[in-house]
Protein backbone atom coordinates (compact mmCIF):
# COMPACT_ATOMS: atom_id res chain seq x y z
CA MET A 1 -30.60 -15.96 15.95
CA VAL A 2 -30.16 -15.00 12.29
CA ASP A 3 -33.18 -13.76 10.59
CA ARG A 4 -31.71 -13.55 7.00
CA GLU A 5 -28.95 -15.81 5.34
CA VAL A 6 -25.98 -14.09 5.06
CA PRO A 7 -23.81 -14.79 1.78
CA LEU A 8 -20.41 -16.40 1.89
CA ILE A 9 -18.07 -15.07 -0.16
CA LYS A 10 -15.10 -17.31 -1.54
CA ALA A 11 -11.72 -15.06 -1.47
CA LYS A 12 -10.12 -14.64 -4.67
CA LYS A 13 -7.07 -12.56 -5.45
CA THR A 14 -8.07 -10.02 -8.65
CA VAL A 15 -5.97 -10.60 -11.75
CA GLU A 16 -3.37 -7.94 -11.93
CA LYS A 17 -4.79 -6.81 -15.32
CA ASP A 18 -7.66 -6.16 -13.84
CA VAL A 19 -6.05 -3.74 -11.05
CA VAL A 20 -7.61 0.00 -10.97
CA LEU A 21 -4.97 2.22 -10.24
CA ASP A 22 -5.68 4.50 -7.56
CA PRO A 23 -6.10 8.14 -9.09
CA ASN A 24 -4.49 9.77 -6.38
CA GLY A 25 -1.06 8.17 -6.17
CA PHE A 26 1.19 5.65 -5.27
CA PHE A 27 3.78 4.66 -2.75
CA VAL A 28 7.33 2.97 -2.87
CA ILE A 29 8.69 1.12 0.19
CA GLU A 30 12.13 0.51 0.66
CA VAL A 31 13.87 -1.25 3.70
CA ASP A 32 17.41 -0.48 4.91
CA ALA A 33 19.32 -1.92 8.10
CA LYS A 34 17.86 1.17 10.05
CA GLN A 35 14.26 1.65 8.83
CA ILE A 36 11.09 1.15 6.41
CA ARG A 37 11.21 4.16 4.78
CA VAL A 38 7.39 4.80 2.47
CA GLU A 39 7.56 7.36 -0.19
CA TYR A 40 4.05 8.66 -1.03
CA TYR A 41 3.54 10.41 -4.58
CA SER A 42 0.37 12.12 -5.90
CA ASN A 43 0.41 10.93 -9.36
CA ILE A 44 1.12 12.92 -12.47
CA TYR A 45 -1.01 12.65 -15.39
CA LYS A 46 -0.38 13.39 -19.28
CA ASP A 47 -3.48 12.63 -21.52
CA LYS A 48 -5.26 10.84 -18.41
CA ARG A 49 -2.86 8.64 -18.23
CA ILE A 50 -0.49 8.10 -15.33
CA VAL A 51 2.96 9.28 -16.55
CA SER A 52 5.14 10.00 -13.18
CA GLY A 53 4.21 11.31 -9.82
CA HIS A 54 5.48 13.96 -7.32
CA LEU A 55 6.66 13.06 -4.02
CA GLU A 56 4.28 14.68 -1.22
CA LYS A 57 5.18 12.94 1.93
CA VAL A 58 7.94 10.41 3.46
CA PHE A 59 7.14 8.17 6.30
CA THR A 60 9.70 6.13 8.07
CA GLY A 61 9.13 3.49 11.01
CA THR A 62 10.38 0.29 11.85
CA LYS A 63 6.65 -1.63 12.74
CA ALA A 64 3.87 -2.10 9.50
CA ASP A 65 0.97 -1.08 12.51
CA ALA A 66 2.63 2.40 13.15
CA LEU A 67 3.14 3.02 9.67
CA SER A 68 0.04 2.35 8.59
CA ASP A 69 -1.88 4.44 11.12
CA SER A 70 0.42 7.25 10.47
CA ILE A 71 0.09 6.54 6.78
CA ALA A 72 -4.06 6.33 7.12
CA GLU A 73 -3.89 9.58 8.80
CA HIS A 74 -1.73 11.79 6.12
CA VAL A 75 -3.13 10.41 3.14
CA THR A 76 -7.37 10.18 3.52
CA ALA A 77 -7.98 9.67 -0.26
CA LEU A 78 -7.30 6.64 -1.31
CA ARG A 79 -9.11 3.53 -2.93
CA PRO A 80 -10.11 1.22 0.17
CA GLU A 81 -7.85 -1.79 -2.13
CA HIS A 82 -4.96 0.33 -2.18
CA TYR A 83 -4.76 0.74 1.82
CA LEU A 84 -5.03 -2.92 1.92
CA TYR A 85 -2.56 -3.61 -0.42
CA LEU A 86 -0.32 -1.00 1.16
CA GLY A 87 -0.91 -3.15 4.51
CA ARG A 88 0.17 -6.19 3.06
CA GLU A 89 3.76 -4.77 1.69
CA LEU A 90 4.31 -2.83 5.02
CA GLN A 91 3.93 -6.27 7.17
CA LYS A 92 6.20 -7.98 4.36
CA ALA A 93 8.78 -4.60 4.15
CA GLN A 94 9.10 -5.35 8.56
CA ILE A 95 9.40 -9.03 8.08
CA ALA A 96 12.30 -8.20 5.86
CA PHE A 97 13.84 -5.45 8.25
CA GLU A 98 13.31 -7.51 11.25
CA GLN A 99 15.29 -10.99 9.38
CA LYS A 100 17.87 -8.46 7.74
CA LYS A 101 16.37 -9.77 4.39
CA ASN A 102 16.04 -8.15 1.27
CA TYR A 103 12.83 -6.48 0.47
CA ILE A 104 11.42 -5.99 -2.87
CA GLN A 105 7.87 -4.23 -3.23
CA GLY A 106 5.42 -6.40 -4.97
CA GLY A 107 2.98 -5.55 -7.74
CA CYS A 108 -0.67 -5.09 -7.17
């Protein structure tokens, strides 16, 4: 029995111009014939703007779930929505890897 009303929230995609970049870093995902490679970069700032990145860690594998788990264990200070984005992209990368198709990393 429910003793309170629970809000029903209709899903909507965040408009790219409203996305807040993660202040802790970014990922570059590549797929080749042997594996999925995920590079994690910490942000480099100039005048309070992200201008580049410093390579911190490289993850390799063939399964989105294993890569996601490893990244969550070793890169612990991301914004929650960044982890969600990464999970979506890794799933797309795994499908491209398994189907031997090109993968192009999507934006926010």
